[in-house]
Amino acid sequence: MRYSAILPCFAFKLAAVASAQHTFVARDTGTGLTSLKLNGPASIPAEWTTSPLNPALASFSIETAGFEEYLGNATYPNTLSINLFNNLKERALVAPEIRIGGITADSTFWNSNQDVALYNYIDDTGALRNTTLGPQFWNSVKLLPEGTKIVVTLAEAAWAGLGSRVVSRFEIGNEPDQYSLDFDAQNYTAIWEPWSVNISQALDISYPEFQVGATAIDPLWPYNTSQADAQFDCVSALAAGANDGHTVTTCSEHTYQYSVCDPTRAAVATLTNLVNHTRLAEYLDLWQPRIHAVPITARPDGFVIGEFNSVSCSGKDNVSNTFGQAIWLLDTTLYAASINVSRQALC
């Protein structure tokens, strides 16, 4: 996470340059030339423009089971993480969004009588089976900088423990396209849409408060084929009626450019490939048709990358722990912003 601290500052500088006049002051070298004025259109053509840059562009997704390790608790706060988040807020003028989720969110329970903030049940083989949160968990969340917005799954408990000033959006499940339920856009929406409506009504929320999708499978290319059209993702869920109850505020998908989950993908997860900008741009461009479709069914800045990193299945030595990863992170963040991704949550 330490590398991402430079992103909001850099993005802010880019925004400042973009808003300046097209006049460049040059050093006087004896030729008398002290400025250079460039001629250009009075306004930027519409096809060149993107949505305004969200100041929380560089955000984070933290596994539910590991949240207390990153933030600590009221007695033993993790000052390293807290200082990093405060530095990001100082530079971007807005705190990064924090998604409390990941694969462990699907095996997380709430116990209002639990004394400890977070309890992970680990079996005899060393495998994490489930996580249970108690009321003290919200005290760990409150260690984040003032004004931090949260994306979370435990709707009722989070709403009671944090309230509308902290909770930005709810998610219903993590990466549902990986479930054994064989979801497509239609049968997923048939469950998701009434659940989002019922939760909103139960919590007396009268405005959109949900992030739909959180899917993991990359888009197929070419995109205008029957196979690509049949893919289940947040945009196809919106087209199937996920927002019929007017509960959706953002459309989320997860991106991992490389993976070590299987030998075939592990073979191409190299540092040389990671720092190749053309490969990066070609990968993120797979989402452009979906990004362009989102404003039709949601808000203009409604497409977010709710979880991302370079190499899935816990990274790869000498690839995801290198300076090249830092360059990749900067490149990915700014390129994604240029194609209208409003926020990205580094996992």
Protein backbone atom coordinates (compact mmCIF):
# COMPACT_ATOMS: atom_id res chain seq x y z
CA MET A 1 0.00 0.00 0.00
CA ARG A 2 2.91 2.38 0.61
CA TYR A 3 3.44 3.05 -3.10
CA SER A 4 -0.06 4.38 -3.64
CA ALA A 5 0.56 7.33 -1.33
CA ILE A 6 1.90 9.32 -4.29
CA LEU A 7 -1.16 8.85 -6.49
CA PRO A 8 -3.59 11.52 -5.27
CA CYS A 9 -0.80 14.13 -5.13
CA PHE A 10 0.23 13.30 -8.69
CA ALA A 11 -3.38 13.29 -9.89
CA PHE A 12 -3.94 16.64 -8.20
CA LYS A 13 -0.93 18.10 -10.00
CA LEU A 14 -2.26 16.77 -13.31
CA ALA A 15 -5.61 18.41 -12.64
CA ALA A 16 -3.88 21.71 -11.90
CA VAL A 17 -1.94 21.54 -15.16
CA ALA A 18 -5.09 20.64 -17.11
CA SER A 19 -6.90 23.69 -15.76
CA ALA A 20 -4.10 26.12 -16.63
CA GLN A 21 -4.01 28.32 -19.71
CA HIS A 22 -2.08 27.10 -22.72
CA THR A 23 0.76 29.54 -22.09
CA PHE A 24 4.23 28.25 -21.25
CA VAL A 25 6.84 30.56 -19.74
CA ALA A 26 10.32 29.99 -21.09
CA ARG A 27 13.68 31.05 -19.61
CA ASP A 28 15.18 34.06 -21.33
CA THR A 29 18.21 32.77 -23.24
CA GLY A 30 19.05 36.06 -24.92
CA THR A 31 16.68 35.55 -27.84
CA GLY A 32 13.98 37.70 -26.27
CA LEU A 33 11.48 34.81 -26.15
CA THR A 34 9.91 34.75 -22.70
CA SER A 35 6.64 32.96 -23.45
CA LEU A 36 5.11 30.64 -26.00
CA LYS A 37 1.39 30.63 -26.77
CA LEU A 38 -0.22 27.59 -28.40
CA ASN A 39 -3.35 27.86 -30.50
CA GLY A 40 -6.10 25.33 -29.86
CA PRO A 41 -9.87 24.91 -29.70
CA ALA A 42 -11.78 27.21 -27.37
CA SER A 43 -13.23 24.19 -25.63
CA ILE A 44 -12.40 20.51 -25.43
CA PRO A 45 -14.42 18.41 -27.91
CA ALA A 46 -16.99 16.24 -26.14
CA GLU A 47 -15.48 13.00 -27.41
CA TRP A 48 -12.19 13.88 -25.69
CA THR A 49 -13.67 14.56 -22.28
CA THR A 50 -14.10 12.32 -19.25
CA SER A 51 -16.05 12.73 -16.03
CA PRO A 52 -14.51 14.96 -13.35
CA LEU A 53 -11.76 13.17 -11.47
CA ASN A 54 -13.03 11.70 -8.22
CA PRO A 55 -10.65 12.79 -5.43
CA ALA A 56 -11.01 9.31 -3.88
CA LEU A 57 -9.71 7.75 -7.11
CA ALA A 58 -6.96 5.90 -5.22
CA SER A 59 -8.88 3.87 -2.65
CA PHE A 60 -8.46 0.51 -0.91
CA SER A 61 -10.15 -2.85 -0.42
CA ILE A 62 -9.19 -4.64 2.80
CA GLU A 63 -10.07 -8.25 3.55
CA THR A 64 -12.63 -8.43 6.34
CA ALA A 65 -10.65 -11.11 8.18
CA GLY A 66 -7.48 -9.00 8.12
CA PHE A 67 -8.97 -5.59 8.81
CA GLU A 68 -7.83 -5.38 12.43
CA GLU A 69 -4.28 -6.25 11.40
CA TYR A 70 -4.22 -3.21 9.10
CA LEU A 71 -5.95 -0.73 11.43
CA GLY A 72 -5.45 -2.21 14.89
CA ASN A 73 -7.93 -1.33 17.62
CA ALA A 74 -8.58 1.48 20.07
CA THR A 75 -6.01 0.04 22.51
CA TYR A 76 -3.32 -0.86 19.96
CA PRO A 77 -3.86 1.22 16.80
CA ASN A 78 -1.67 0.46 13.78
CA THR A 79 -0.06 3.87 13.48
CA LEU A 80 1.74 2.98 10.21
CA SER A 81 -1.51 2.37 8.32
CA ILE A 82 -3.31 5.25 10.01
CA ASN A 83 -0.51 7.68 9.11
CA LEU A 84 -0.55 6.47 5.49
CA PHE A 85 -4.30 7.04 5.20
CA ASN A 86 -3.96 10.48 6.81
CA ASN A 87 -1.19 11.38 4.36
CA LEU A 88 -3.44 10.39 1.46
CA LYS A 89 -6.23 12.56 2.82
CA GLU A 90 -3.86 15.50 3.29
CA ARG A 91 -2.72 15.33 -0.33
CA ALA A 92 -6.02 14.50 -2.04
CA LEU A 93 -8.10 16.67 0.34
CA VAL A 94 -10.48 13.69 0.62
CA ALA A 95 -9.86 10.44 2.47
CA PRO A 96 -9.64 7.32 0.29
CA GLU A 97 -12.68 5.08 0.31
CA ILE A 98 -12.24 1.82 2.18
CA ARG A 99 -14.04 -1.33 1.08
CA ILE A 100 -14.28 -3.92 3.85
CA GLY A 101 -14.77 -7.05 1.80
CA GLY A 102 -12.88 -9.64 -0.20
CA ILE A 103 -13.48 -13.36 -0.21
CA THR A 104 -13.72 -13.52 3.60
CA ALA A 105 -16.76 -11.22 3.52
CA ASP A 106 -18.82 -14.17 2.28
CA SER A 107 -17.99 -16.17 5.42
CA THR A 108 -18.41 -13.35 7.93
CA PHE A 109 -21.01 -13.38 10.71
CA TRP A 110 -22.20 -10.74 13.18
CA ASN A 111 -22.50 -11.38 16.92
CA SER A 112 -23.83 -8.43 18.90
CA ASN A 113 -22.76 -10.13 22.16
CA GLN A 114 -19.15 -10.72 21.14
CA ASP A 115 -16.60 -8.89 23.31
CA VAL A 116 -13.72 -8.86 20.82
CA ALA A 117 -13.85 -6.84 17.62
CA LEU A 118 -12.99 -9.69 15.27
CA TYR A 119 -12.61 -13.44 15.68
CA ASN A 120 -11.22 -15.68 12.93
CA TYR A 121 -11.98 -19.38 13.22
CA ILE A 122 -8.99 -21.35 11.91
CA ASP A 123 -9.29 -25.14 11.73
CA ASP A 124 -6.67 -27.77 12.58
CA THR A 125 -5.20 -27.60 9.08
CA GLY A 126 -4.56 -23.88 9.39
CA ALA A 127 -7.39 -22.92 7.03
CA LEU A 128 -9.51 -19.87 7.82
CA ARG A 129 -13.13 -21.04 7.93
CA ASN A 130 -15.10 -17.98 8.99
CA THR A 131 -14.91 -14.60 10.66
CA THR A 132 -17.20 -13.18 13.34
CA LEU A 133 -17.45 -9.47 14.04
CA GLY A 134 -18.74 -7.79 17.19
CA PRO A 135 -19.67 -4.19 18.11
CA GLN A 136 -16.05 -3.30 18.94
CA PHE A 137 -15.19 -3.77 15.27
CA TRP A 138 -16.64 -0.37 14.45
CA ASN A 139 -14.14 1.24 16.84
CA SER A 140 -11.38 -0.09 14.58
CA VAL A 141 -13.13 1.42 11.56
CA LYS A 142 -13.35 4.76 13.37
CA LEU A 143 -9.53 4.88 13.50
CA LEU A 144 -9.63 5.85 9.82
CA PRO A 145 -9.31 9.56 8.99
CA GLU A 146 -12.33 11.76 9.60
CA GLY A 147 -14.59 11.73 6.57
CA THR A 148 -13.58 8.27 5.33
CA LYS A 149 -16.39 6.54 3.43
CA ILE A 150 -16.90 2.79 3.79
CA VAL A 151 -18.20 0.09 1.42
CA VAL A 152 -19.37 -2.93 3.43
CA THR A 153 -21.56 -6.04 3.37
CA LEU A 154 -23.04 -6.23 6.91
CA ALA A 155 -25.74 -3.68 6.19
CA GLU A 156 -27.81 -3.64 9.39
CA ALA A 157 -24.86 -3.81 11.79
CA ALA A 158 -22.84 -1.23 9.82
CA TRP A 159 -25.76 1.16 9.57
CA ALA A 160 -26.32 0.96 13.33
CA GLY A 161 -22.63 1.13 14.22
CA LEU A 162 -21.42 3.76 11.74
CA GLY A 163 -24.44 5.52 10.21
CA SER A 164 -24.97 7.32 6.94
CA ARG A 165 -22.06 9.73 7.40
CA VAL A 166 -19.56 6.87 7.19
CA VAL A 167 -21.28 4.15 5.13
CA SER A 168 -21.08 5.01 1.45
CA ARG A 169 -22.43 1.83 -0.13
CA PHE A 170 -23.48 -1.73 0.65
CA GLU A 171 -22.48 -4.83 -1.29
CA ILE A 172 -24.41 -8.09 -1.38
CA GLY A 173 -21.70 -10.73 -1.71
CA ASN A 174 -18.19 -10.80 -3.16
CA GLU A 175 -17.48 -12.03 -6.70
CA PRO A 176 -20.80 -13.82 -7.23
CA ASP A 177 -19.63 -15.00 -10.66
CA GLN A 178 -17.32 -17.35 -8.72
CA TYR A 179 -20.16 -18.96 -6.74
CA SER A 180 -21.30 -22.52 -7.43
CA LEU A 181 -24.82 -21.19 -8.11
CA ASP A 182 -24.13 -20.77 -11.84
CA PHE A 183 -25.34 -17.18 -11.86
CA ASP A 184 -26.17 -15.28 -15.01
CA ALA A 185 -27.38 -11.68 -15.14
CA GLN A 186 -31.03 -12.71 -14.94
CA ASN A 187 -31.05 -15.16 -12.03
CA TYR A 188 -28.56 -13.02 -10.09
CA THR A 189 -30.75 -9.95 -10.54
CA ALA A 190 -33.85 -11.90 -9.51
CA ILE A 191 -32.20 -12.34 -6.09
CA TRP A 192 -30.10 -9.19 -5.79
CA GLU A 193 -32.72 -6.58 -6.72
CA PRO A 194 -35.41 -7.54 -4.15
CA TRP A 195 -32.73 -8.00 -1.48
CA SER A 196 -31.44 -4.48 -2.06
CA VAL A 197 -34.99 -3.11 -1.91
CA ASN A 198 -35.86 -5.05 1.24
CA ILE A 199 -32.66 -4.01 3.01
CA SER A 200 -33.26 -0.37 2.07
CA GLN A 201 -36.79 -0.53 3.42
CA ALA A 202 -35.73 -2.29 6.61
CA LEU A 203 -33.12 0.41 7.29
CA ASP A 204 -35.45 3.22 6.15
CA ILE A 205 -33.08 4.31 3.37
CA SER A 206 -34.87 6.19 0.61
CA TYR A 207 -31.93 6.77 -1.76
CA PRO A 208 -29.52 4.56 -3.75
CA GLU A 209 -27.01 2.96 -1.37
CA PHE A 210 -25.83 -0.22 -3.13
CA GLN A 211 -22.88 -1.28 -5.25
CA VAL A 212 -23.95 -3.95 -7.71
CA GLY A 213 -21.78 -6.66 -9.20
CA ALA A 214 -18.32 -7.03 -7.63
CA THR A 215 -17.64 -9.64 -10.34
CA ALA A 216 -14.21 -11.05 -11.14
CA ILE A 217 -14.16 -12.60 -14.63
CA ASP A 218 -12.50 -10.46 -17.32
CA PRO A 219 -14.58 -9.30 -20.29
CA LEU A 220 -14.39 -11.34 -23.46
CA TRP A 221 -13.01 -9.83 -26.65
CA PRO A 222 -14.38 -9.00 -29.13
CA TYR A 223 -17.13 -7.47 -27.00
CA ASN A 224 -19.94 -7.43 -29.58
CA THR A 225 -20.44 -11.20 -29.78
CA SER A 226 -23.15 -13.42 -28.38
CA GLN A 227 -20.66 -14.98 -25.94
CA ALA A 228 -19.59 -11.59 -24.64
CA ASP A 229 -23.19 -10.39 -24.40
CA ALA A 230 -24.04 -13.45 -22.31
CA GLN A 231 -21.39 -12.70 -19.67
CA PHE A 232 -22.55 -11.94 -16.14
CA ASP A 233 -21.17 -8.63 -14.88
CA CYS A 234 -22.43 -5.49 -13.21
CA VAL A 235 -23.51 -3.89 -16.51
CA SER A 236 -25.47 -6.95 -17.68
CA ALA A 237 -27.09 -7.07 -14.22
CA LEU A 238 -28.18 -3.46 -14.62
CA ALA A 239 -29.58 -4.29 -18.05
CA ALA A 240 -31.49 -7.20 -16.47
CA GLY A 241 -33.18 -4.86 -13.99
CA ALA A 242 -30.88 -4.73 -10.96
CA ASN A 243 -31.73 -1.06 -10.52
CA ASP A 244 -35.49 -1.40 -10.98
CA GLY A 245 -35.87 -0.58 -7.29
CA HIS A 246 -33.62 2.51 -7.63
CA THR A 247 -31.10 1.18 -5.12
CA VAL A 248 -27.91 1.21 -7.22
CA THR A 249 -25.36 3.98 -6.96
CA THR A 250 -22.27 2.25 -8.41
CA CYS A 251 -21.38 -0.64 -10.69
CA SER A 252 -18.32 -2.59 -9.55
CA GLU A 253 -15.96 -5.10 -11.12
CA HIS A 254 -12.61 -6.54 -10.01
CA THR A 255 -9.44 -6.53 -12.09
CA TYR A 256 -6.26 -8.56 -11.68
CA GLN A 257 -4.13 -8.22 -14.80
CA TYR A 258 -2.07 -11.29 -13.93
CA SER A 259 -2.53 -14.37 -11.75
CA VAL A 260 -0.70 -17.33 -10.25
CA CYS A 261 -3.91 -19.25 -9.64
CA ASP A 262 -2.94 -21.74 -12.36
CA PRO A 263 0.28 -22.58 -14.28
CA THR A 264 -0.87 -21.10 -17.60
CA ARG A 265 -1.45 -17.63 -16.17
CA ALA A 266 1.51 -17.84 -13.81
CA ALA A 267 3.83 -18.24 -16.80
CA VAL A 268 3.01 -14.75 -18.11
CA ALA A 269 3.02 -13.04 -14.70
CA THR A 270 6.51 -11.60 -15.17
CA LEU A 271 8.01 -8.25 -14.24
CA THR A 272 8.72 -7.53 -17.91
CA ASN A 273 5.06 -7.94 -18.78
CA LEU A 274 3.92 -6.03 -15.69
CA VAL A 275 5.75 -2.82 -16.64
CA ASN A 276 4.67 -2.96 -20.30
CA HIS A 277 2.26 -0.04 -20.74
CA THR A 278 0.77 -1.42 -23.96
CA ARG A 279 -0.24 -4.64 -22.22
CA LEU A 280 -1.72 -2.64 -19.34
CA ALA A 281 -3.76 -0.39 -21.65
CA GLU A 282 -5.00 -3.33 -23.72
CA TYR A 283 -6.12 -5.08 -20.55
CA LEU A 284 -8.05 -2.14 -19.09
CA ASP A 285 -9.51 -1.32 -22.51
CA LEU A 286 -11.47 -4.58 -22.28
CA TRP A 287 -13.77 -2.73 -19.85
CA GLN A 288 -14.38 0.33 -22.04
CA PRO A 289 -17.66 -0.93 -23.58
CA ARG A 290 -19.01 -1.63 -20.09
CA ILE A 291 -17.82 1.70 -18.70
CA HIS A 292 -19.54 3.54 -21.54
CA ALA A 293 -22.76 1.59 -20.89
CA VAL A 294 -22.97 2.47 -17.19
CA PRO A 295 -24.21 6.09 -17.54
CA ILE A 296 -27.23 4.74 -19.39
CA THR A 297 -28.40 2.88 -16.30
CA ALA A 298 -26.55 4.55 -13.41
CA ARG A 299 -24.79 7.82 -12.59
CA PRO A 300 -22.04 9.13 -14.94
CA ASP A 301 -19.26 8.34 -12.45
CA GLY A 302 -20.87 5.07 -11.47
CA PHE A 303 -18.24 2.58 -12.67
CA VAL A 304 -15.70 1.57 -10.04
CA ILE A 305 -13.00 -1.06 -9.84
CA GLY A 306 -13.95 -2.36 -6.42
CA GLU A 307 -10.87 -4.53 -6.00
CA PHE A 308 -7.63 -4.73 -7.98
CA ASN A 309 -3.97 -5.56 -7.92
CA SER A 310 -1.31 -6.87 -10.28
CA VAL A 311 -1.26 -10.62 -9.51
CA SER A 312 -4.16 -12.56 -7.99
CA CYS A 313 -3.82 -15.52 -5.62
CA SER A 314 -1.59 -13.57 -3.21
CA GLY A 315 0.91 -12.06 -5.65
CA LYS A 316 4.21 -13.32 -7.03
CA ASP A 317 7.70 -12.91 -5.62
CA ASN A 318 9.95 -10.57 -7.66
CA VAL A 319 6.91 -9.22 -9.48
CA SER A 320 4.34 -7.78 -7.08
CA ASN A 321 6.94 -6.83 -4.46
CA THR A 322 9.12 -4.70 -6.75
CA PHE A 323 9.53 -1.06 -7.72
CA GLY A 324 8.05 -2.09 -11.06
CA GLN A 325 4.82 -2.78 -9.18
CA ALA A 326 4.85 0.84 -7.97
CA ILE A 327 5.20 2.08 -11.56
CA TRP A 328 2.44 -0.31 -12.66
CA LEU A 329 0.18 0.97 -9.88
CA LEU A 330 0.65 4.60 -10.88
CA ASP A 331 0.15 3.78 -14.56
CA THR A 332 -2.93 1.66 -13.88
CA THR A 333 -4.56 4.28 -11.67
CA LEU A 334 -4.11 7.16 -14.08
CA TYR A 335 -4.96 5.20 -17.22
CA ALA A 336 -8.13 3.84 -15.61
CA ALA A 337 -9.13 7.37 -14.64
CA SER A 338 -8.65 8.46 -18.26
CA ILE A 339 -11.25 5.91 -19.43
CA ASN A 340 -13.81 7.00 -16.79
CA VAL A 341 -13.17 4.62 -13.92
CA SER A 342 -14.15 6.83 -10.99
CA ARG A 343 -12.56 4.91 -8.09
CA GLN A 344 -10.18 1.99 -7.71
CA ALA A 345 -9.75 -0.04 -4.53
CA LEU A 346 -6.27 -1.51 -4.20
CA CYS A 347 -6.43 -4.87 -2.46
